[in-house]
Amino acid sequence: KSNDLGDPVAVLDFAYENAAGERIAGVLICGPYRDPDMYRRRAFDWVSKANTLLNIFKIVFLVLPDNANSDHFETLIRRLKIDENKVRIEKLYSSQK
């Protein structure tokens, strides 16, 4: 994917369009960062990107690994008055312990 022209869709890791070409869902994978505190420090960047992408997609998913604290993301979504049904946080948990 190329972002040479500043295409906001290029920041997505995955995107889904229906058969009519409507952009339905976008996915941003946050990180991975070895330092879990990086998720807190970069939460605003990720939430801002997701919010901006709502101008193009009906829903945007922020995918976080198990070492990320989703509370920071959820707090920002509420404070910025973003519809929690449109910017969704999904956590992936490692099967290895």
C-alpha atoms as a PDB file:
ATOM      1  CA  LYS A   1       0.000   0.000   0.000  1.00  0.00           C
ATOM      2  CA  SER A   2       1.214   3.475  -0.772  1.00  0.00           C
ATOM      3  CA  ASN A   3       0.529   6.738   0.969  1.00  0.00           C
ATOM      4  CA  ASP A   4       2.349   8.915  -1.586  1.00  0.00           C
ATOM      5  CA  LEU A   5      -0.769  11.006  -2.208  1.00  0.00           C
ATOM      6  CA  GLY A   6      -1.792  11.259   1.425  1.00  0.00           C
ATOM      7  CA  ASP A   7      -4.557   8.685   0.996  1.00  0.00           C
ATOM      8  CA  PRO A   8      -6.040   8.169   4.488  1.00  0.00           C
ATOM      9  CA  VAL A   9      -7.149   4.652   3.585  1.00  0.00           C
ATOM     10  CA  ALA A  10      -3.476   3.698   3.195  1.00  0.00           C
ATOM     11  CA  VAL A  11      -2.984   3.822   6.996  1.00  0.00           C
ATOM     12  CA  LEU A  12      -5.345   0.870   7.451  1.00  0.00           C
ATOM     13  CA  ASP A  13      -4.089  -2.658   7.934  1.00  0.00           C
ATOM     14  CA  PHE A  14      -7.315  -4.106   6.510  1.00  0.00           C
ATOM     15  CA  ALA A  15     -10.409  -2.675   4.844  1.00  0.00           C
ATOM     16  CA  TYR A  16     -13.720  -4.192   3.815  1.00  0.00           C
ATOM     17  CA  GLU A  17     -15.921  -2.954   0.983  1.00  0.00           C
ATOM     18  CA  ASN A  18     -19.252  -4.500   0.092  1.00  0.00           C
ATOM     19  CA  ALA A  19     -20.196  -5.568  -3.440  1.00  0.00           C
ATOM     20  CA  ALA A  20     -21.527  -2.072  -4.175  1.00  0.00           C
ATOM     21  CA  GLY A  21     -18.121  -0.577  -3.353  1.00  0.00           C
ATOM     22  CA  GLU A  22     -19.220   1.005  -0.070  1.00  0.00           C
ATOM     23  CA  ARG A  23     -16.439   1.122   2.470  1.00  0.00           C
ATOM     24  CA  ILE A  24     -17.861  -0.692   5.471  1.00  0.00           C
ATOM     25  CA  ALA A  25     -15.067  -1.490   7.930  1.00  0.00           C
ATOM     26  CA  GLY A  26     -11.466  -0.526   8.517  1.00  0.00           C
ATOM     27  CA  VAL A  27      -8.968  -2.178  10.833  1.00  0.00           C
ATOM     28  CA  LEU A  28      -5.961  -0.579  12.521  1.00  0.00           C
ATOM     29  CA  ILE A  29      -3.567  -2.871  14.351  1.00  0.00           C
ATOM     30  CA  CYS A  30      -2.065  -0.849  17.193  1.00  0.00           C
ATOM     31  CA  GLY A  31       1.578  -1.638  17.793  1.00  0.00           C
ATOM     32  CA  PRO A  32       2.997  -4.076  18.582  1.00  0.00           C
ATOM     33  CA  TYR A  33       5.184  -2.391  21.153  1.00  0.00           C
ATOM     34  CA  ARG A  34       7.463  -4.210  23.577  1.00  0.00           C
ATOM     35  CA  ASP A  35       6.898  -1.490  26.162  1.00  0.00           C
ATOM     36  CA  PRO A  36       3.220  -1.638  27.243  1.00  0.00           C
ATOM     37  CA  ASP A  37       3.350   2.049  28.227  1.00  0.00           C
ATOM     38  CA  MET A  38       3.694   2.929  24.517  1.00  0.00           C
ATOM     39  CA  TYR A  39       0.005   2.079  24.099  1.00  0.00           C
ATOM     40  CA  ARG A  40      -0.919   4.729  26.655  1.00  0.00           C
ATOM     41  CA  ARG A  41       1.395   7.283  25.070  1.00  0.00           C
ATOM     42  CA  ARG A  42       0.123   6.616  21.552  1.00  0.00           C
ATOM     43  CA  ALA A  43      -3.557   5.984  22.310  1.00  0.00           C
ATOM     44  CA  PHE A  44      -4.551   9.473  21.181  1.00  0.00           C
ATOM     45  CA  ASP A  45      -2.831   8.968  17.810  1.00  0.00           C
ATOM     46  CA  TRP A  46      -4.656   5.700  17.187  1.00  0.00           C
ATOM     47  CA  VAL A  47      -8.053   6.970  18.366  1.00  0.00           C
ATOM     48  CA  SER A  48      -7.643  10.127  16.257  1.00  0.00           C
ATOM     49  CA  LYS A  49      -6.851   8.078  13.164  1.00  0.00           C
ATOM     50  CA  ALA A  50      -9.876   5.866  13.773  1.00  0.00           C
ATOM     51  CA  ASN A  51     -12.135   8.875  14.294  1.00  0.00           C
ATOM     52  CA  THR A  52     -10.923  10.492  11.072  1.00  0.00           C
ATOM     53  CA  LEU A  53     -11.495   7.268   9.147  1.00  0.00           C
ATOM     54  CA  LEU A  54     -15.167   7.339  10.199  1.00  0.00           C
ATOM     55  CA  ASN A  55     -15.570   9.922   7.430  1.00  0.00           C
ATOM     56  CA  ILE A  56     -14.861   7.081   4.999  1.00  0.00           C
ATOM     57  CA  PHE A  57     -15.909   3.881   6.808  1.00  0.00           C
ATOM     58  CA  LYS A  58     -19.023   2.994   8.800  1.00  0.00           C
ATOM     59  CA  ILE A  59     -16.969   1.313  11.529  1.00  0.00           C
ATOM     60  CA  VAL A  60     -13.283   1.229  12.476  1.00  0.00           C
ATOM     61  CA  PHE A  61     -11.697  -1.429  14.663  1.00  0.00           C
ATOM     62  CA  LEU A  62      -8.633  -0.772  16.808  1.00  0.00           C
ATOM     63  CA  VAL A  63      -6.919  -4.098  17.458  1.00  0.00           C
ATOM     64  CA  LEU A  64      -4.768  -4.299  20.579  1.00  0.00           C
ATOM     65  CA  PRO A  65      -2.512  -7.126  21.754  1.00  0.00           C
ATOM     66  CA  ASP A  66      -2.810  -8.602  25.211  1.00  0.00           C
ATOM     67  CA  ASN A  67      -0.046  -6.402  26.691  1.00  0.00           C
ATOM     68  CA  ALA A  68      -1.989  -3.219  25.874  1.00  0.00           C
ATOM     69  CA  ASN A  69      -4.272  -1.566  28.420  1.00  0.00           C
ATOM     70  CA  SER A  70      -7.485  -0.788  26.531  1.00  0.00           C
ATOM     71  CA  ASP A  71      -8.691   1.565  29.301  1.00  0.00           C
ATOM     72  CA  HIS A  72      -6.697   4.468  27.841  1.00  0.00           C
ATOM     73  CA  PHE A  73      -8.316   3.975  24.441  1.00  0.00           C
ATOM     74  CA  GLU A  74     -11.818   3.629  25.882  1.00  0.00           C
ATOM     75  CA  THR A  75     -11.383   6.768  28.009  1.00  0.00           C
ATOM     76  CA  LEU A  76     -10.282   8.798  24.990  1.00  0.00           C
ATOM     77  CA  ILE A  77     -13.202   7.560  22.915  1.00  0.00           C
ATOM     78  CA  ARG A  78     -15.620   8.710  25.631  1.00  0.00           C
ATOM     79  CA  ARG A  79     -13.865  12.055  26.237  1.00  0.00           C
ATOM     80  CA  LEU A  80     -13.804  12.842  22.524  1.00  0.00           C
ATOM     81  CA  LYS A  81     -17.499  11.877  22.293  1.00  0.00           C
ATOM     82  CA  ILE A  82     -16.847   9.294  19.601  1.00  0.00           C
ATOM     83  CA  ASP A  83     -19.612   6.742  19.073  1.00  0.00           C
ATOM     84  CA  GLU A  84     -18.345   3.585  20.807  1.00  0.00           C
ATOM     85  CA  ASN A  85     -20.319   1.516  18.309  1.00  0.00           C
ATOM     86  CA  LYS A  86     -18.345   3.029  15.429  1.00  0.00           C
ATOM     87  CA  VAL A  87     -14.831   2.917  16.868  1.00  0.00           C
ATOM     88  CA  ARG A  88     -14.511  -0.514  18.403  1.00  0.00           C
ATOM     89  CA  ILE A  89     -11.642  -1.882  20.461  1.00  0.00           C
ATOM     90  CA  GLU A  90     -10.771  -5.525  20.024  1.00  0.00           C
ATOM     91  CA  LYS A  91      -8.101  -7.233  22.103  1.00  0.00           C
ATOM     92  CA  LEU A  92      -6.201 -10.252  20.853  1.00  0.00           C
ATOM     93  CA  TYR A  93      -4.927 -12.575  23.500  1.00  0.00           C
ATOM     94  CA  SER A  94      -1.864 -14.728  23.020  1.00  0.00           C
ATOM     95  CA  SER A  95      -2.519 -18.444  23.175  1.00  0.00           C
ATOM     96  CA  GLN A  96       0.935 -18.913  24.686  1.00  0.00           C
ATOM     97  CA  LYS A  97       1.487 -18.188  28.366  1.00  0.00           C
END
